[in-house]
Structures are given as structure tokens and as C-alpha cells.
Amino acid sequence: MLKIGNIILDVPFFQASLSGYSDYAMRTIARDFGAPLVFAGVMLAKSVLHPRIFKGPLFKPGDDEHPIGGQLLGEDPETMAKAAKALRGAGYDLIDLNFACPTPKVVRRK
């Protein structure tokens, strides 16, 4: 068993956030194969704060996806904090901060 805050997982593994891959279909497959927690794809904090982008279907977790985590990438602490609050307001159960992704498209964003 694994406990993260008030989330209790019956197995100690979950589907990680994978940039460009962690869409609804992948999260559904991960759940079907036993992942008790799934993550949406990596999200830029400044994109989460952009109303036109954030209201799109890629950002909204499905009602059948809980618990679900959101992973944020950014460099400004204030922007990251605002984005984390926005994700919680959108229905994400857990917020993960990405500080070490080695993917070149992520590294270029600092």
C-alpha cells in the first residue's frame, strides 16, 4: 500500500506523466491494467494560466479518472503556485512538480 496525502493506493505504482503520451486513452489503458493512479501529460504552468488553452478538453480530467494527478513544468514560483491552484480547481487530485525531465523539449524551457 502507498499513501500520498489523502490518496491511498492499493499497489505501490502508478502511470507517470509522459509528455505527448498521457492522454485520456493512455490513462484508461493504464487503469485497465491496474494502475490505481494516473497522471495527465506534462503541462506548462503558463499554459495552465492561459484561459483559452486551459479550458480545452486536454486539461480537464474525466469523471472516471480519479485519482488523477497533474504535472507542472515552469520556472517562476508564483506562476507555478497559481497553476497548481488552477489544476486543483479543475479537479486534479494531486499536483506534481517537474524539476528534472531530461527530454530536450523540456530542458529548453528551463
PDB file of N, CA and C in Angstrom:
ATOM      1  N   MET A   1       0.843  -1.173   0.000  1.00  0.00           N
ATOM      2  CA  MET A   1       0.000   0.000   0.000  1.00  0.00           C
ATOM      3  C   MET A   1       0.893   1.243   0.000  1.00  0.00           C
ATOM      4  N   LEU A   2       0.424   2.293  -0.660  1.00  0.00           N
ATOM      5  CA  LEU A   2       1.154   3.560  -0.742  1.00  0.00           C
ATOM      6  C   LEU A   2       0.183   4.692  -0.436  1.00  0.00           C
ATOM      7  N   LYS A   3       0.592   5.610   0.442  1.00  0.00           N
ATOM      8  CA  LYS A   3      -0.246   6.752   0.795  1.00  0.00           C
ATOM      9  C   LYS A   3       0.460   8.031   0.372  1.00  0.00           C
ATOM     10  N   ILE A   4      -0.241   8.862  -0.410  1.00  0.00           N
ATOM     11  CA  ILE A   4       0.262  10.173  -0.830  1.00  0.00           C
ATOM     12  C   ILE A   4      -0.794  11.184  -0.391  1.00  0.00           C
ATOM     13  N   GLY A   5      -0.524  11.901   0.678  1.00  0.00           N
ATOM     14  CA  GLY A   5      -1.539  12.813   1.224  1.00  0.00           C
ATOM     15  C   GLY A   5      -2.753  12.014   1.647  1.00  0.00           C
ATOM     16  N   ASN A   6      -3.928  12.355   1.116  1.00  0.00           N
ATOM     17  CA  ASN A   6      -5.143  11.610   1.460  1.00  0.00           C
ATOM     18  C   ASN A   6      -5.487  10.549   0.417  1.00  0.00           C
ATOM     19  N   ILE A   7      -4.572  10.309  -0.535  1.00  0.00           N
ATOM     20  CA  ILE A   7      -4.772   9.291  -1.562  1.00  0.00           C
ATOM     21  C   ILE A   7      -4.086   8.006  -1.115  1.00  0.00           C
ATOM     22  N   ILE A   8      -4.853   6.930  -1.052  1.00  0.00           N
ATOM     23  CA  ILE A   8      -4.310   5.632  -0.659  1.00  0.00           C
ATOM     24  C   ILE A   8      -4.392   4.710  -1.871  1.00  0.00           C
ATOM     25  N   LEU A   9      -3.237   4.184  -2.269  1.00  0.00           N
ATOM     26  CA  LEU A   9      -3.156   3.296  -3.423  1.00  0.00           C
ATOM     27  C   LEU A   9      -2.967   1.868  -2.926  1.00  0.00           C
ATOM     28  N   ASP A  10      -3.715   0.940  -3.512  1.00  0.00           N
ATOM     29  CA  ASP A  10      -3.616  -0.446  -3.056  1.00  0.00           C
ATOM     30  C   ASP A  10      -2.366  -1.146  -3.579  1.00  0.00           C
ATOM     31  N   VAL A  11      -1.728  -0.579  -4.595  1.00  0.00           N
ATOM     32  CA  VAL A  11      -0.446  -1.092  -5.087  1.00  0.00           C
ATOM     33  C   VAL A  11       0.516   0.091  -5.199  1.00  0.00           C
ATOM     34  N   PRO A  12       1.814  -0.146  -4.993  1.00  0.00           N
ATOM     35  CA  PRO A  12       2.769   0.973  -4.938  1.00  0.00           C
ATOM     36  C   PRO A  12       3.337   1.411  -6.292  1.00  0.00           C
ATOM     37  N   PHE A  13       2.487   1.515  -7.301  1.00  0.00           N
ATOM     38  CA  PHE A  13       2.945   2.021  -8.590  1.00  0.00           C
ATOM     39  C   PHE A  13       1.822   2.821  -9.236  1.00  0.00           C
ATOM     40  N   PHE A  14       2.183   3.632 -10.219  1.00  0.00           N
ATOM     41  CA  PHE A  14       1.176   4.420 -10.929  1.00  0.00           C
ATOM     42  C   PHE A  14       1.694   4.773 -12.308  1.00  0.00           C
ATOM     43  N   GLN A  15       0.807   5.261 -13.159  1.00  0.00           N
ATOM     44  CA  GLN A  15       1.172   5.658 -14.510  1.00  0.00           C
ATOM     45  C   GLN A  15       1.721   7.070 -14.446  1.00  0.00           C
ATOM     46  N   ALA A  16       2.974   7.231 -14.841  1.00  0.00           N
ATOM     47  CA  ALA A  16       3.641   8.527 -14.760  1.00  0.00           C
ATOM     48  C   ALA A  16       3.173   9.472 -15.864  1.00  0.00           C
ATOM     49  N   SER A  17       3.469  10.726 -15.681  1.00  0.00           N
ATOM     50  CA  SER A  17       3.185  11.745 -16.679  1.00  0.00           C
ATOM     51  C   SER A  17       4.221  11.652 -17.794  1.00  0.00           C
ATOM     52  N   LEU A  18       3.760  11.424 -19.013  1.00  0.00           N
ATOM     53  CA  LEU A  18       4.660  11.318 -20.163  1.00  0.00           C
ATOM     54  C   LEU A  18       4.240  12.358 -21.192  1.00  0.00           C
ATOM     55  N   SER A  19       5.117  13.300 -21.434  1.00  0.00           N
ATOM     56  CA  SER A  19       4.822  14.390 -22.363  1.00  0.00           C
ATOM     57  C   SER A  19       4.459  13.849 -23.742  1.00  0.00           C
ATOM     58  N   GLY A  20       3.270  14.189 -24.211  1.00  0.00           N
ATOM     59  CA  GLY A  20       2.818  13.771 -25.525  1.00  0.00           C
ATOM     60  C   GLY A  20       2.156  12.410 -25.568  1.00  0.00           C
ATOM     61  N   TYR A  21       2.103  11.696 -24.452  1.00  0.00           N
ATOM     62  CA  TYR A  21       1.536  10.349 -24.439  1.00  0.00           C
ATOM     63  C   TYR A  21       0.418  10.142 -23.422  1.00  0.00           C
ATOM     64  N   SER A  22       0.420  10.891 -22.345  1.00  0.00           N
ATOM     65  CA  SER A  22      -0.522  10.635 -21.250  1.00  0.00           C
ATOM     66  C   SER A  22      -1.883  11.269 -21.499  1.00  0.00           C
ATOM     67  N   ASP A  23      -2.492  10.915 -22.618  1.00  0.00           N
ATOM     68  CA  ASP A  23      -3.825  11.420 -22.916  1.00  0.00           C
ATOM     69  C   ASP A  23      -4.874  10.507 -22.269  1.00  0.00           C
ATOM     70  N   TYR A  24      -6.134  10.831 -22.487  1.00  0.00           N
ATOM     71  CA  TYR A  24      -7.223  10.073 -21.860  1.00  0.00           C
ATOM     72  C   TYR A  24      -7.145   8.591 -22.219  1.00  0.00           C
ATOM     73  N   ALA A  25      -6.864   8.278 -23.491  1.00  0.00           N
ATOM     74  CA  ALA A  25      -6.812   6.874 -23.922  1.00  0.00           C
ATOM     75  C   ALA A  25      -5.714   6.108 -23.175  1.00  0.00           C
ATOM     76  N   MET A  26      -4.540   6.702 -23.060  1.00  0.00           N
ATOM     77  CA  MET A  26      -3.455   6.013 -22.358  1.00  0.00           C
ATOM     78  C   MET A  26      -3.777   5.838 -20.880  1.00  0.00           C
ATOM     79  N   ARG A  27      -4.360   6.875 -20.292  1.00  0.00           N
ATOM     80  CA  ARG A  27      -4.715   6.778 -18.870  1.00  0.00           C
ATOM     81  C   ARG A  27      -5.751   5.683 -18.648  1.00  0.00           C
ATOM     82  N   THR A  28      -6.680   5.528 -19.577  1.00  0.00           N
ATOM     83  CA  THR A  28      -7.700   4.476 -19.479  1.00  0.00           C
ATOM     84  C   THR A  28      -7.060   3.100 -19.563  1.00  0.00           C
ATOM     85  N   ILE A  29      -6.140   2.930 -20.502  1.00  0.00           N
ATOM     86  CA  ILE A  29      -5.427   1.654 -20.633  1.00  0.00           C
ATOM     87  C   ILE A  29      -4.633   1.354 -19.369  1.00  0.00           C
ATOM     88  N   ALA A  30      -3.959   2.379 -18.826  1.00  0.00           N
ATOM     89  CA  ALA A  30      -3.193   2.186 -17.588  1.00  0.00           C
ATOM     90  C   ALA A  30      -4.103   1.719 -16.462  1.00  0.00           C
ATOM     91  N   ARG A  31      -5.266   2.306 -16.345  1.00  0.00           N
ATOM     92  CA  ARG A  31      -6.231   1.879 -15.311  1.00  0.00           C
ATOM     93  C   ARG A  31      -6.681   0.443 -15.562  1.00  0.00           C
ATOM     94  N   ASP A  32      -6.970   0.124 -16.839  1.00  0.00           N
ATOM     95  CA  ASP A  32      -7.403  -1.235 -17.177  1.00  0.00           C
ATOM     96  C   ASP A  32      -6.360  -2.280 -16.791  1.00  0.00           C
ATOM     97  N   PHE A  33      -5.081  -1.897 -16.808  1.00  0.00           N
ATOM     98  CA  PHE A  33      -4.007  -2.811 -16.451  1.00  0.00           C
ATOM     99  C   PHE A  33      -3.578  -2.684 -14.993  1.00  0.00           C
ATOM    100  N   GLY A  34      -4.369  -1.992 -14.187  1.00  0.00           N
ATOM    101  CA  GLY A  34      -4.156  -1.998 -12.751  1.00  0.00           C
ATOM    102  C   GLY A  34      -3.524  -0.782 -12.113  1.00  0.00           C
ATOM    103  N   ALA A  35      -3.246   0.281 -12.879  1.00  0.00           N
ATOM    104  CA  ALA A  35      -2.673   1.482 -12.264  1.00  0.00           C
ATOM    105  C   ALA A  35      -3.741   2.172 -11.414  1.00  0.00           C
ATOM    106  N   PRO A  36      -3.515   2.312 -10.122  1.00  0.00           N
ATOM    107  CA  PRO A  36      -4.518   2.926  -9.256  1.00  0.00           C
ATOM    108  C   PRO A  36      -4.503   4.460  -9.315  1.00  0.00           C
ATOM    109  N   LEU A  37      -3.466   5.029  -9.910  1.00  0.00           N
ATOM    110  CA  LEU A  37      -3.326   6.483 -10.040  1.00  0.00           C
ATOM    111  C   LEU A  37      -2.750   6.759 -11.419  1.00  0.00           C
ATOM    112  N   VAL A  38      -3.311   7.743 -12.108  1.00  0.00           N
ATOM    113  CA  VAL A  38      -2.800   8.130 -13.422  1.00  0.00           C
ATOM    114  C   VAL A  38      -2.463   9.615 -13.405  1.00  0.00           C
ATOM    115  N   PHE A  39      -1.598  10.003 -14.333  1.00  0.00           N
ATOM    116  CA  PHE A  39      -1.214  11.406 -14.484  1.00  0.00           C
ATOM    117  C   PHE A  39      -1.500  11.865 -15.895  1.00  0.00           C
ATOM    118  N   ALA A  40      -1.955  13.087 -16.015  1.00  0.00           N
ATOM    119  CA  ALA A  40      -2.088  13.721 -17.326  1.00  0.00           C
ATOM    120  C   ALA A  40      -0.685  14.068 -17.810  1.00  0.00           C
ATOM    121  N   GLY A  41      -0.567  14.467 -19.061  1.00  0.00           N
ATOM    122  CA  GLY A  41       0.732  14.844 -19.606  1.00  0.00           C
ATOM    123  C   GLY A  41       1.301  16.075 -18.920  1.00  0.00           C
ATOM    124  N   VAL A  42       2.585  16.270 -19.081  1.00  0.00           N
ATOM    125  CA  VAL A  42       3.265  17.431 -18.514  1.00  0.00           C
ATOM    126  C   VAL A  42       2.614  18.709 -19.049  1.00  0.00           C
ATOM    127  N   MET A  43       2.336  19.648 -18.164  1.00  0.00           N
ATOM    128  CA  MET A  43       1.688  20.902 -18.549  1.00  0.00           C
ATOM    129  C   MET A  43       2.581  22.080 -18.192  1.00  0.00           C
ATOM    130  N   LEU A  44       2.743  22.999 -19.111  1.00  0.00           N
ATOM    131  CA  LEU A  44       3.469  24.224 -18.813  1.00  0.00           C
ATOM    132  C   LEU A  44       2.612  25.074 -17.889  1.00  0.00           C
ATOM    133  N   ALA A  45       3.179  25.557 -16.812  1.00  0.00           N
ATOM    134  CA  ALA A  45       2.425  26.364 -15.854  1.00  0.00           C
ATOM    135  C   ALA A  45       1.794  27.576 -16.530  1.00  0.00           C
ATOM    136  N   LYS A  46       2.526  28.240 -17.406  1.00  0.00           N
ATOM    137  CA  LYS A  46       1.969  29.427 -18.056  1.00  0.00           C
ATOM    138  C   LYS A  46       0.821  29.072 -18.990  1.00  0.00           C
ATOM    139  N   SER A  47       0.810  27.844 -19.556  1.00  0.00           N
ATOM    140  CA  SER A  47      -0.321  27.420 -20.391  1.00  0.00           C
ATOM    141  C   SER A  47      -1.559  27.182 -19.545  1.00  0.00           C
ATOM    142  N   VAL A  48      -1.354  26.621 -18.361  1.00  0.00           N
ATOM    143  CA  VAL A  48      -2.485  26.384 -17.459  1.00  0.00           C
ATOM    144  C   VAL A  48      -3.158  27.706 -17.096  1.00  0.00           C
ATOM    145  N   LEU A  49      -2.385  28.778 -17.002  1.00  0.00           N
ATOM    146  CA  LEU A  49      -2.931  30.079 -16.627  1.00  0.00           C
ATOM    147  C   LEU A  49      -3.523  30.841 -17.803  1.00  0.00           C
ATOM    148  N   HIS A  50      -3.416  30.300 -18.996  1.00  0.00           N
ATOM    149  CA  HIS A  50      -3.981  30.951 -20.183  1.00  0.00           C
ATOM    150  C   HIS A  50      -5.409  30.426 -20.364  1.00  0.00           C
ATOM    151  N   PRO A  51      -6.433  31.253 -20.116  1.00  0.00           N
ATOM    152  CA  PRO A  51      -7.824  30.772 -20.112  1.00  0.00           C
ATOM    153  C   PRO A  51      -8.245  30.024 -21.382  1.00  0.00           C
ATOM    154  N   ARG A  52      -7.857  30.510 -22.540  1.00  0.00           N
ATOM    155  CA  ARG A  52      -8.293  29.865 -23.777  1.00  0.00           C
ATOM    156  C   ARG A  52      -7.697  28.456 -23.916  1.00  0.00           C
ATOM    157  N   ILE A  53      -6.462  28.288 -23.489  1.00  0.00           N
ATOM    158  CA  ILE A  53      -5.814  26.976 -23.568  1.00  0.00           C
ATOM    159  C   ILE A  53      -6.345  26.050 -22.480  1.00  0.00           C
ATOM    160  N   PHE A  54      -6.435  26.541 -21.266  1.00  0.00           N
ATOM    161  CA  PHE A  54      -6.795  25.701 -20.125  1.00  0.00           C
ATOM    162  C   PHE A  54      -8.213  25.156 -20.207  1.00  0.00           C
ATOM    163  N   LYS A  55      -9.105  25.844 -20.888  1.00  0.00           N
ATOM    164  CA  LYS A  55     -10.485  25.367 -20.980  1.00  0.00           C
ATOM    165  C   LYS A  55     -10.656  24.257 -22.013  1.00  0.00           C
ATOM    166  N   GLY A  56      -9.575  23.914 -22.725  1.00  0.00           N
ATOM    167  CA  GLY A  56      -9.631  22.854 -23.724  1.00  0.00           C
ATOM    168  C   GLY A  56      -9.789  21.483 -23.087  1.00  0.00           C
ATOM    169  N   PRO A  57     -10.253  20.500 -23.858  1.00  0.00           N
ATOM    170  CA  PRO A  57     -10.520  19.163 -23.320  1.00  0.00           C
ATOM    171  C   PRO A  57      -9.274  18.413 -22.846  1.00  0.00           C
ATOM    172  N   LEU A  58      -8.103  18.781 -23.311  1.00  0.00           N
ATOM    173  CA  LEU A  58      -6.892  18.082 -22.879  1.00  0.00           C
ATOM    174  C   LEU A  58      -6.563  18.329 -21.415  1.00  0.00           C
ATOM    175  N   PHE A  59      -7.027  19.432 -20.868  1.00  0.00           N
ATOM    176  CA  PHE A  59      -6.699  19.778 -19.487  1.00  0.00           C
ATOM    177  C   PHE A  59      -7.716  19.259 -18.476  1.00  0.00           C
ATOM    178  N   LYS A  60      -8.920  18.955 -18.908  1.00  0.00           N
ATOM    179  CA  LYS A  60      -9.990  18.570 -17.990  1.00  0.00           C
ATOM    180  C   LYS A  60      -9.954  17.070 -17.720  1.00  0.00           C
ATOM    181  N   PRO A  61      -9.759  16.678 -16.462  1.00  0.00           N
ATOM    182  CA  PRO A  61      -9.791  15.239 -16.165  1.00  0.00           C
ATOM    183  C   PRO A  61     -11.215  14.700 -16.266  1.00  0.00           C
ATOM    184  N   GLY A  62     -11.327  13.448 -16.702  1.00  0.00           N
ATOM    185  CA  GLY A  62     -12.642  12.817 -16.792  1.00  0.00           C
ATOM    186  C   GLY A  62     -13.172  12.436 -15.425  1.00  0.00           C
ATOM    187  N   ASP A  63     -14.478  12.356 -15.321  1.00  0.00           N
ATOM    188  CA  ASP A  63     -15.099  11.979 -14.047  1.00  0.00           C
ATOM    189  C   ASP A  63     -14.677  10.580 -13.596  1.00  0.00           C
ATOM    190  N   ASP A  64     -14.300   9.731 -14.558  1.00  0.00           N
ATOM    191  CA  ASP A  64     -13.921   8.352 -14.253  1.00  0.00           C
ATOM    192  C   ASP A  64     -12.419   8.173 -13.998  1.00  0.00           C
ATOM    193  N   GLU A  65     -11.678   9.258 -13.848  1.00  0.00           N
ATOM    194  CA  GLU A  65     -10.220   9.162 -13.746  1.00  0.00           C
ATOM    195  C   GLU A  65      -9.642   9.370 -12.354  1.00  0.00           C
ATOM    196  N   HIS A  66     -10.437   9.441 -11.354  1.00  0.00           N
ATOM    197  CA  HIS A  66      -9.913   9.750 -10.023  1.00  0.00           C
ATOM    198  C   HIS A  66      -9.425   8.508  -9.299  1.00  0.00           C
ATOM    199  N   PRO A  67      -8.281   8.615  -8.623  1.00  0.00           N
ATOM    200  CA  PRO A  67      -7.469   9.814  -8.510  1.00  0.00           C
ATOM    201  C   PRO A  67      -6.621  10.049  -9.764  1.00  0.00           C
ATOM    202  N   ILE A  68      -6.440  11.323 -10.067  1.00  0.00           N
ATOM    203  CA  ILE A  68      -5.622  11.734 -11.205  1.00  0.00           C
ATOM    204  C   ILE A  68      -4.703  12.871 -10.784  1.00  0.00           C
ATOM    205  N   GLY A  69      -3.480  12.812 -11.275  1.00  0.00           N
ATOM    206  CA  GLY A  69      -2.506  13.849 -10.968  1.00  0.00           C
ATOM    207  C   GLY A  69      -2.201  14.700 -12.182  1.00  0.00           C
ATOM    208  N   GLY A  70      -1.778  15.904 -11.923  1.00  0.00           N
ATOM    209  CA  GLY A  70      -1.328  16.802 -12.965  1.00  0.00           C
ATOM    210  C   GLY A  70       0.122  17.156 -12.693  1.00  0.00           C
ATOM    211  N   GLN A  71       0.930  17.210 -13.736  1.00  0.00           N
ATOM    212  CA  GLN A  71       2.341  17.547 -13.553  1.00  0.00           C
ATOM    213  C   GLN A  71       2.627  18.891 -14.198  1.00  0.00           C
ATOM    214  N   LEU A  72       3.238  19.777 -13.437  1.00  0.00           N
ATOM    215  CA  LEU A  72       3.552  21.129 -13.904  1.00  0.00           C
ATOM    216  C   LEU A  72       5.034  21.304 -14.179  1.00  0.00           C
ATOM    217  N   LEU A  73       5.294  22.084 -15.199  1.00  0.00           N
ATOM    218  CA  LEU A  73       6.649  22.451 -15.566  1.00  0.00           C
ATOM    219  C   LEU A  73       6.703  23.963 -15.667  1.00  0.00           C
ATOM    220  N   GLY A  74       7.684  24.566 -15.043  1.00  0.00           N
ATOM    221  CA  GLY A  74       7.823  26.016 -15.098  1.00  0.00           C
ATOM    222  C   GLY A  74       9.050  26.460 -14.337  1.00  0.00           C
ATOM    223  N   GLU A  75       9.303  27.744 -14.389  1.00  0.00           N
ATOM    224  CA  GLU A  75      10.487  28.258 -13.703  1.00  0.00           C
ATOM    225  C   GLU A  75      10.173  29.352 -12.694  1.00  0.00           C
ATOM    226  N   ASP A  76       8.980  29.926 -12.747  1.00  0.00           N
ATOM    227  CA  ASP A  76       8.623  31.016 -11.841  1.00  0.00           C
ATOM    228  C   ASP A  76       7.737  30.483 -10.713  1.00  0.00           C
ATOM    229  N   PRO A  77       8.188  30.581  -9.456  1.00  0.00           N
ATOM    230  CA  PRO A  77       7.417  30.030  -8.338  1.00  0.00           C
ATOM    231  C   PRO A  77       5.987  30.575  -8.238  1.00  0.00           C
ATOM    232  N   GLU A  78       5.794  31.858  -8.490  1.00  0.00           N
ATOM    233  CA  GLU A  78       4.452  32.434  -8.396  1.00  0.00           C
ATOM    234  C   GLU A  78       3.533  31.853  -9.473  1.00  0.00           C
ATOM    235  N   THR A  79       4.044  31.726 -10.682  1.00  0.00           N
ATOM    236  CA  THR A  79       3.260  31.142 -11.770  1.00  0.00           C
ATOM    237  C   THR A  79       2.935  29.687 -11.467  1.00  0.00           C
ATOM    238  N   MET A  80       3.912  28.958 -10.937  1.00  0.00           N
ATOM    239  CA  MET A  80       3.696  27.549 -10.588  1.00  0.00           C
ATOM    240  C   MET A  80       2.608  27.414  -9.521  1.00  0.00           C
ATOM    241  N   ALA A  81       2.643  28.279  -8.519  1.00  0.00           N
ATOM    242  CA  ALA A  81       1.637  28.224  -7.451  1.00  0.00           C
ATOM    243  C   ALA A  81       0.240  28.505  -7.993  1.00  0.00           C
ATOM    244  N   LYS A  82       0.118  29.513  -8.842  1.00  0.00           N
ATOM    245  CA  LYS A  82      -1.184  29.833  -9.440  1.00  0.00           C
ATOM    246  C   LYS A  82      -1.674  28.687 -10.312  1.00  0.00           C
ATOM    247  N   ALA A  83      -0.773  28.098 -11.073  1.00  0.00           N
ATOM    248  CA  ALA A  83      -1.150  26.980 -11.941  1.00  0.00           C
ATOM    249  C   ALA A  83      -1.587  25.767 -11.122  1.00  0.00           C
ATOM    250  N   ALA A  84      -0.898  25.498 -10.018  1.00  0.00           N
ATOM    251  CA  ALA A  84      -1.279  24.384  -9.147  1.00  0.00           C
ATOM    252  C   ALA A  84      -2.687  24.593  -8.595  1.00  0.00           C
ATOM    253  N   LYS A  85      -3.001  25.807  -8.192  1.00  0.00           N
ATOM    254  CA  LYS A  85      -4.357  26.109  -7.700  1.00  0.00           C
ATOM    255  C   LYS A  85      -5.391  25.923  -8.804  1.00  0.00           C
ATOM    256  N   ALA A  86      -5.039  26.304 -10.020  1.00  0.00           N
ATOM    257  CA  ALA A  86      -5.959  26.136 -11.148  1.00  0.00           C
ATOM    258  C   ALA A  86      -6.212  24.655 -11.433  1.00  0.00           C
ATOM    259  N   LEU A  87      -5.162  23.838 -11.337  1.00  0.00           N
ATOM    260  CA  LEU A  87      -5.339  22.401 -11.564  1.00  0.00           C
ATOM    261  C   LEU A  87      -6.220  21.779 -10.485  1.00  0.00           C
ATOM    262  N   ARG A  88      -6.014  22.184  -9.257  1.00  0.00           N
ATOM    263  CA  ARG A  88      -6.880  21.667  -8.176  1.00  0.00           C
ATOM    264  C   ARG A  88      -8.324  22.070  -8.430  1.00  0.00           C
ATOM    265  N   GLY A  89      -8.523  23.317  -8.859  1.00  0.00           N
ATOM    266  CA  GLY A  89      -9.870  23.786  -9.169  1.00  0.00           C
ATOM    267  C   GLY A  89     -10.513  23.048 -10.336  1.00  0.00           C
ATOM    268  N   ALA A  90      -9.689  22.532 -11.249  1.00  0.00           N
ATOM    269  CA  ALA A  90     -10.194  21.795 -12.413  1.00  0.00           C
ATOM    270  C   ALA A  90     -10.489  20.331 -12.084  1.00  0.00           C
ATOM    271  N   GLY A  91     -10.120  19.887 -10.876  1.00  0.00           N
ATOM    272  CA  GLY A  91     -10.449  18.531 -10.466  1.00  0.00           C
ATOM    273  C   GLY A  91      -9.288  17.571 -10.292  1.00  0.00           C
ATOM    274  N   TYR A  92      -8.057  18.060 -10.432  1.00  0.00           N
ATOM    275  CA  TYR A  92      -6.909  17.174 -10.214  1.00  0.00           C
ATOM    276  C   TYR A  92      -6.758  16.898  -8.723  1.00  0.00           C
ATOM    277  N   ASP A  93      -6.442  15.661  -8.395  1.00  0.00           N
ATOM    278  CA  ASP A  93      -6.327  15.242  -7.000  1.00  0.00           C
ATOM    279  C   ASP A  93      -4.921  15.424  -6.440  1.00  0.00           C
ATOM    280  N   LEU A  94      -3.928  15.495  -7.302  1.00  0.00           N
ATOM    281  CA  LEU A  94      -2.544  15.557  -6.880  1.00  0.00           C
ATOM    282  C   LEU A  94      -1.781  16.403  -7.895  1.00  0.00           C
ATOM    283  N   ILE A  95      -0.873  17.226  -7.413  1.00  0.00           N
ATOM    284  CA  ILE A  95      -0.052  18.069  -8.290  1.00  0.00           C
ATOM    285  C   ILE A  95       1.408  17.677  -8.088  1.00  0.00           C
ATOM    286  N   ASP A  96       2.082  17.380  -9.195  1.00  0.00           N
ATOM    287  CA  ASP A  96       3.491  17.008  -9.187  1.00  0.00           C
ATOM    288  C   ASP A  96       4.265  18.101  -9.910  1.00  0.00           C
ATOM    289  N   LEU A  97       5.406  18.477  -9.366  1.00  0.00           N
ATOM    290  CA  LEU A  97       6.240  19.494  -9.999  1.00  0.00           C
ATOM    291  C   LEU A  97       7.406  18.816 -10.703  1.00  0.00           C
ATOM    292  N   ASN A  98       7.573  19.106 -11.980  1.00  0.00           N
ATOM    293  CA  ASN A  98       8.623  18.501 -12.783  1.00  0.00           C
ATOM    294  C   ASN A  98       9.873  19.383 -12.711  1.00  0.00           C
ATOM    295  N   PHE A  99      10.913  18.886 -12.070  1.00  0.00           N
ATOM    296  CA  PHE A  99      12.161  19.627 -11.937  1.00  0.00           C
ATOM    297  C   PHE A  99      13.336  18.955 -12.641  1.00  0.00           C
ATOM    298  N   ALA A 100      13.123  17.771 -13.223  1.00  0.00           N
ATOM    299  CA  ALA A 100      14.283  17.041 -13.716  1.00  0.00           C
ATOM    300  C   ALA A 100      14.054  16.242 -14.988  1.00  0.00           C
ATOM    301  N   CYS A 101      13.119  16.597 -15.814  1.00  0.00           N
ATOM    302  CA  CYS A 101      12.874  15.841 -17.038  1.00  0.00           C
ATOM    303  C   CYS A 101      14.020  16.068 -18.025  1.00  0.00           C
ATOM    304  N   PRO A 102      14.636  14.989 -18.527  1.00  0.00           N
ATOM    305  CA  PRO A 102      15.781  15.140 -19.426  1.00  0.00           C
ATOM    306  C   PRO A 102      15.405  15.331 -20.907  1.00  0.00           C
ATOM    307  N   THR A 103      14.136  15.295 -21.232  1.00  0.00           N
ATOM    308  CA  THR A 103      13.717  15.440 -22.623  1.00  0.00           C
ATOM    309  C   THR A 103      14.135  16.807 -23.158  1.00  0.00           C
ATOM    310  N   PRO A 104      14.782  16.862 -24.341  1.00  0.00           N
ATOM    311  CA  PRO A 104      15.261  18.137 -24.872  1.00  0.00           C
ATOM    312  C   PRO A 104      14.192  19.231 -24.969  1.00  0.00           C
ATOM    313  N   LYS A 105      12.964  18.873 -25.376  1.00  0.00           N
ATOM    314  CA  LYS A 105      11.940  19.919 -25.488  1.00  0.00           C
ATOM    315  C   LYS A 105      11.556  20.492 -24.122  1.00  0.00           C
ATOM    316  N   VAL A 106      11.777  19.719 -23.059  1.00  0.00           N
ATOM    317  CA  VAL A 106      11.505  20.212 -21.712  1.00  0.00           C
ATOM    318  C   VAL A 106      12.695  21.015 -21.204  1.00  0.00           C
ATOM    319  N   VAL A 107      13.895  20.517 -21.407  1.00  0.00           N
ATOM    320  CA  VAL A 107      15.116  21.197 -20.950  1.00  0.00           C
ATOM    321  C   VAL A 107      15.217  22.597 -21.558  1.00  0.00           C
ATOM    322  N   ARG A 108      14.816  22.744 -22.818  1.00  0.00           N
ATOM    323  CA  ARG A 108      14.862  24.060 -23.474  1.00  0.00           C
ATOM    324  C   ARG A 108      13.982  25.095 -22.767  1.00  0.00           C
ATOM    325  N   ARG A 109      12.999  24.648 -22.033  1.00  0.00           N
ATOM    326  CA  ARG A 109      12.089  25.555 -21.334  1.00  0.00           C
ATOM    327  C   ARG A 109      12.570  25.899 -19.934  1.00  0.00           C
ATOM    328  N   LYS A 110      13.769  25.500 -19.585  1.00  0.00           N
ATOM    329  CA  LYS A 110      14.418  25.749 -18.300  1.00  0.00           C
ATOM    330  C   LYS A 110      13.733  25.012 -17.166  1.00  0.00           C
TER     331      LYS A 110
END
